[in-house]
């Protein structure tokens, strides 16, 4: 459980920090971090309950750890935070120390995470702001399913805002360069319908969906539970899930 810090300590910490603040969340009541990604809004959009007592949580793409620390604050029994970057980039270790948190940190990609976590599955998985940065989104959703025992919440950029034809179709935009938000790390933006189709194909039953802004969505949150048995795509295709390259045999 998170330890308590004073407002003065929290303000001093933020003022002296030199790392990147990506997320906005309360360090302590009345003191909010200066990031642009609103943790409270994301968790509300995903329908995350106020009481997570006894549940296990995995936060993929944790950045500053805002969602992970909030899950711990809500009583989660175990929280694992994951990012491709060193925990120093977003100050995760410093924030964890400040808050006397027990959240665990794992460095790795979604593609290799099931092996890094040795097949562990979690009651609740956050996958916020990651999918559109990946060159292999369907593989990422396959891997996400193998990590999910209860429910996964996927938040990503979508392309419904482009026009009515896109909104009505299972449509995916590919960005070869930096066309999306002037960021060369953004590769794909599906329509909301395409995102739901992706998740269904990968073996999720959709449990919750929301998108914003209304009528011309640029972001969406889709939640789903893994269905029993093989995922849909394996029931109609010769393809099988690709395992992490870390598990491949050494052929040298």
Protein backbone atom coordinates (compact mmCIF):
# COMPACT_ATOMS: atom_id res chain seq x y z
CA UNK A 1 0.00 0.00 0.00
CA UNK A 2 1.27 3.47 -0.85
CA UNK A 3 2.72 5.49 1.98
CA UNK A 4 1.50 9.03 2.62
CA UNK A 5 3.52 12.12 1.75
CA UNK A 6 2.78 15.73 2.55
CA UNK A 7 1.73 18.29 -0.03
CA UNK A 8 4.96 20.16 0.67
CA UNK A 9 7.04 17.04 -0.04
CA UNK A 10 5.11 16.37 -3.26
CA UNK A 11 5.53 19.93 -4.55
CA UNK A 12 9.23 19.94 -3.72
CA UNK A 13 9.66 16.62 -5.53
CA UNK A 14 7.93 17.87 -8.68
CA UNK A 15 9.85 21.14 -8.59
CA UNK A 16 13.25 19.43 -8.37
CA UNK A 17 12.53 16.62 -10.86
CA UNK A 18 14.47 16.47 -14.14
CA UNK A 19 12.81 13.49 -15.82
CA UNK A 20 9.91 13.55 -18.33
CA UNK A 21 6.43 14.05 -16.87
CA UNK A 22 4.08 12.36 -19.33
CA UNK A 23 1.18 11.54 -16.99
CA UNK A 24 -1.05 13.73 -14.86
CA UNK A 25 -2.09 12.19 -11.53
CA UNK A 26 -2.23 13.03 -7.84
CA UNK A 27 0.98 12.38 -5.95
CA UNK A 28 -0.92 13.26 -2.80
CA UNK A 29 -4.30 14.94 -2.30
CA UNK A 30 -4.21 18.43 -3.78
CA UNK A 31 -0.90 18.00 -5.66
CA UNK A 32 -1.07 16.87 -9.30
CA UNK A 33 1.84 16.06 -11.59
CA UNK A 34 2.32 18.23 -14.73
CA UNK A 35 1.90 15.54 -17.44
CA UNK A 36 -0.55 15.67 -20.36
CA UNK A 37 -2.01 12.15 -20.10
CA UNK A 38 -4.85 12.21 -17.57
CA UNK A 39 -4.64 9.00 -15.49
CA UNK A 40 -7.98 9.58 -13.79
CA UNK A 41 -9.75 10.00 -17.13
CA UNK A 42 -8.17 6.83 -18.54
CA UNK A 43 -9.11 4.69 -15.54
CA UNK A 44 -12.65 6.09 -15.55
CA UNK A 45 -12.99 5.41 -19.29
CA UNK A 46 -11.89 1.82 -18.67
CA UNK A 47 -14.42 1.43 -15.84
CA UNK A 48 -11.73 0.52 -13.32
CA UNK A 49 -13.43 0.11 -9.92
CA UNK A 50 -12.44 2.19 -6.90
CA UNK A 51 -11.74 -1.00 -4.96
CA UNK A 52 -9.19 -3.40 -6.48
CA UNK A 53 -8.60 -5.34 -3.27
CA UNK A 54 -6.99 -8.71 -3.87
CA UNK A 55 -6.61 -8.26 -7.62
CA UNK A 56 -3.45 -8.41 -9.73
CA UNK A 57 -2.76 -5.62 -12.20
CA UNK A 58 -0.38 -5.29 -15.15
CA UNK A 59 0.33 -1.82 -16.56
CA UNK A 60 1.99 -2.03 -19.99
CA UNK A 61 3.54 1.26 -21.12
CA UNK A 62 3.66 2.60 -17.58
CA UNK A 63 5.74 5.80 -18.22
CA UNK A 64 5.67 7.67 -14.88
CA UNK A 65 3.73 4.79 -13.34
CA UNK A 66 0.61 6.83 -12.67
CA UNK A 67 -1.86 4.05 -13.50
CA UNK A 68 0.19 1.45 -11.65
CA UNK A 69 0.48 3.55 -8.49
CA UNK A 70 -3.22 4.36 -8.60
CA UNK A 71 -4.05 0.64 -8.87
CA UNK A 72 -1.94 0.05 -5.79
CA UNK A 73 -3.67 2.94 -4.03
CA UNK A 74 -7.00 1.25 -4.81
CA UNK A 75 -5.86 -1.87 -2.98
CA UNK A 76 -4.49 -4.17 -5.71
CA UNK A 77 -2.62 -7.10 -4.18
CA UNK A 78 0.15 -7.03 -6.79
CA UNK A 79 0.98 -4.51 -9.51
CA UNK A 80 3.58 -4.94 -12.24
CA UNK A 81 4.56 -1.93 -14.36
CA UNK A 82 6.21 -2.37 -17.76
CA UNK A 83 7.98 -0.03 -20.15
CA UNK A 84 10.48 -0.31 -22.99
CA UNK A 85 12.53 2.50 -21.49
CA UNK A 86 14.74 2.55 -18.44
CA UNK A 87 12.73 3.48 -15.32
CA UNK A 88 14.93 6.58 -15.03
CA UNK A 89 13.48 8.15 -18.19
CA UNK A 90 10.13 8.87 -16.55
CA UNK A 91 11.33 8.89 -12.96
CA UNK A 92 9.54 5.68 -12.04
CA UNK A 93 12.07 4.60 -9.43
CA UNK A 94 12.16 8.03 -7.77
CA UNK A 95 8.36 8.26 -7.66
CA UNK A 96 8.10 4.73 -6.27
CA UNK A 97 10.61 5.58 -3.55
CA UNK A 98 8.85 8.85 -2.69
CA UNK A 99 5.52 7.04 -2.29
CA UNK A 100 6.95 3.97 -0.49
CA UNK A 101 5.33 1.87 -3.21
CA UNK A 102 5.73 -1.86 -3.81
CA UNK A 103 4.90 -1.75 -7.53
CA UNK A 104 7.31 -3.96 -9.48
CA UNK A 105 9.03 -2.74 -12.66
CA UNK A 106 9.87 -4.88 -15.70
CA UNK A 107 11.64 -3.52 -18.75
CA UNK A 108 10.53 -5.12 -22.00
CA UNK A 109 8.18 -5.04 -24.99
CA UNK A 110 4.66 -6.41 -25.20
CA UNK A 111 5.95 -8.96 -27.70
CA UNK A 112 8.29 -10.63 -25.19
CA UNK A 113 6.33 -9.93 -22.02
CA UNK A 114 4.59 -13.33 -21.61
CA UNK A 115 8.00 -14.98 -21.51
CA UNK A 116 9.53 -12.32 -19.27
CA UNK A 117 6.66 -12.86 -16.82
CA UNK A 118 6.88 -16.65 -17.20
CA UNK A 119 3.32 -17.12 -18.33
CA UNK A 120 1.70 -15.20 -15.47
CA UNK A 121 -1.77 -13.84 -16.21
CA UNK A 122 -3.36 -10.83 -14.51
CA UNK A 123 -6.85 -9.94 -13.37
CA UNK A 124 -6.64 -6.51 -14.98
CA UNK A 125 -4.30 -5.34 -17.74
CA UNK A 126 -3.84 -1.70 -18.79
CA UNK A 127 -2.62 -1.10 -22.36
CA UNK A 128 -2.93 2.66 -22.63
CA UNK A 129 -1.31 4.73 -25.39
CA UNK A 130 0.83 1.90 -26.74
CA UNK A 131 -0.88 0.15 -29.66
CA UNK A 132 -0.47 2.92 -32.25
CA UNK A 133 3.27 3.04 -31.56
CA UNK A 134 3.68 -0.61 -32.63
CA UNK A 135 4.51 -1.95 -36.08
CA UNK A 136 2.84 -5.28 -35.27
CA UNK A 137 -0.48 -4.42 -33.58
CA UNK A 138 -2.21 -7.78 -34.08
CA UNK A 139 0.76 -9.64 -32.63
CA UNK A 140 0.66 -7.24 -29.68
CA UNK A 141 -3.02 -8.03 -29.07
CA UNK A 142 -2.28 -11.76 -29.31
CA UNK A 143 0.38 -11.33 -26.65
CA UNK A 144 -1.94 -9.15 -24.56
CA UNK A 145 -4.56 -11.90 -24.50
CA UNK A 146 -2.02 -14.40 -23.18
CA UNK A 147 -1.35 -12.02 -20.26
CA UNK A 148 -5.01 -11.49 -19.38
CA UNK A 149 -6.92 -13.64 -16.91
CA UNK A 150 -9.76 -11.16 -16.34
CA UNK A 151 -10.03 -8.02 -18.46
CA UNK A 152 -7.73 -5.98 -20.69
CA UNK A 153 -8.29 -2.27 -21.34
CA UNK A 154 -6.85 -0.99 -24.64
CA UNK A 155 -6.62 2.76 -25.27
CA UNK A 156 -5.25 4.04 -28.55
CA UNK A 157 -5.41 6.60 -31.32
CA UNK A 158 -8.20 5.94 -33.83
CA UNK A 159 -9.01 7.50 -37.19
CA UNK A 160 -12.80 7.95 -37.03
CA UNK A 161 -12.38 11.74 -37.15
CA UNK A 162 -11.23 11.61 -40.77
CA UNK A 163 -14.71 11.22 -42.32
CA UNK A 164 -18.04 9.36 -42.11
CA UNK A 165 -16.90 6.60 -44.48
CA UNK A 166 -14.02 5.74 -42.17
CA UNK A 167 -16.27 5.77 -39.10
CA UNK A 168 -18.60 3.24 -40.70
CA UNK A 169 -15.91 0.79 -41.79
CA UNK A 170 -13.28 -1.54 -40.40
CA UNK A 171 -10.57 0.78 -41.64
CA UNK A 172 -6.91 1.19 -40.66
CA UNK A 173 -4.58 4.08 -41.42
CA UNK A 174 -0.86 3.41 -41.82
CA UNK A 175 1.59 6.26 -41.28
CA UNK A 176 4.87 5.66 -43.04
CA UNK A 177 6.48 8.80 -41.68
CA UNK A 178 5.47 11.34 -39.05
CA UNK A 179 2.01 12.12 -40.42
CA UNK A 180 0.25 11.37 -37.11
CA UNK A 181 0.97 14.11 -34.56
CA UNK A 182 4.36 14.80 -36.20
CA UNK A 183 5.69 11.68 -34.46
CA UNK A 184 7.64 9.08 -36.41
CA UNK A 185 6.91 6.45 -33.76
CA UNK A 186 3.19 6.42 -34.64
CA UNK A 187 2.41 3.68 -37.16
CA UNK A 188 -1.26 2.66 -37.19
CA UNK A 189 -4.63 4.16 -36.25
CA UNK A 190 -7.63 1.87 -36.72
CA UNK A 191 -11.22 3.00 -36.79
CA UNK A 192 -13.14 2.08 -33.64
CA UNK A 193 -14.86 -0.69 -35.60
CA UNK A 194 -11.50 -2.03 -36.81
CA UNK A 195 -10.12 -1.99 -33.27
CA UNK A 196 -13.08 -4.04 -32.07
CA UNK A 197 -12.61 -6.41 -35.00
CA UNK A 198 -8.90 -6.76 -34.18
CA UNK A 199 -9.66 -7.63 -30.57
CA UNK A 200 -12.41 -10.10 -31.54
CA UNK A 201 -10.10 -11.78 -34.04
CA UNK A 202 -7.48 -12.11 -31.31
CA UNK A 203 -9.91 -13.85 -28.98
CA UNK A 204 -11.44 -11.09 -26.86
CA UNK A 205 -15.09 -10.61 -26.02
CA UNK A 206 -15.74 -6.86 -25.96
CA UNK A 207 -17.08 -5.74 -22.59
CA UNK A 208 -16.86 -1.95 -22.77
CA UNK A 209 -16.19 0.73 -25.35
CA UNK A 210 -15.94 4.48 -25.42
CA UNK A 211 -14.34 7.01 -27.75
CA UNK A 212 -13.76 10.73 -27.87
CA UNK A 213 -14.45 13.37 -28.96
CA UNK A 214 -18.05 12.38 -29.64
CA UNK A 215 -18.94 11.97 -33.29
CA UNK A 216 -15.40 12.26 -34.64
CA UNK A 217 -13.21 10.14 -32.40
CA UNK A 218 -9.44 10.47 -32.33
CA UNK A 219 -9.01 8.17 -29.29
CA UNK A 220 -10.84 5.10 -28.07
CA UNK A 221 -10.92 2.75 -25.10
CA UNK A 222 -11.98 -0.83 -25.78
CA UNK A 223 -12.09 -3.39 -22.96
CA UNK A 224 -12.34 -7.13 -23.41
CA UNK A 225 -12.17 -10.51 -21.72
CA UNK A 226 -10.38 -13.49 -23.28
CA UNK A 227 -12.80 -16.08 -24.60
CA UNK A 228 -12.10 -19.75 -23.78
CA UNK A 229 -10.41 -21.89 -26.38
CA UNK A 230 -8.27 -20.81 -29.32
CA UNK A 231 -8.74 -17.25 -30.61
CA UNK A 232 -10.99 -16.67 -33.59
CA UNK A 233 -8.18 -16.30 -36.13
CA UNK A 234 -6.76 -19.72 -35.28
CA UNK A 235 -10.14 -21.31 -35.99
CA UNK A 236 -10.10 -20.13 -39.60
CA UNK A 237 -6.43 -19.71 -40.51
CA UNK A 238 -3.20 -21.68 -40.60
CA UNK A 239 -1.48 -18.94 -38.58
CA UNK A 240 -0.45 -19.56 -34.99
CA UNK A 241 0.73 -17.14 -32.32
CA UNK A 242 4.35 -16.04 -32.65
CA UNK A 243 6.41 -16.44 -29.50
CA UNK A 244 9.12 -14.05 -28.36
CA UNK A 245 12.44 -14.16 -30.17
CA UNK A 246 14.02 -14.53 -26.73
CA UNK A 247 12.67 -18.05 -26.59
CA UNK A 248 13.92 -19.05 -30.05
CA UNK A 249 16.73 -21.61 -30.21
CA UNK A 250 20.29 -20.44 -30.85
CA UNK A 251 21.05 -21.54 -34.41
CA UNK A 252 24.56 -20.11 -34.56
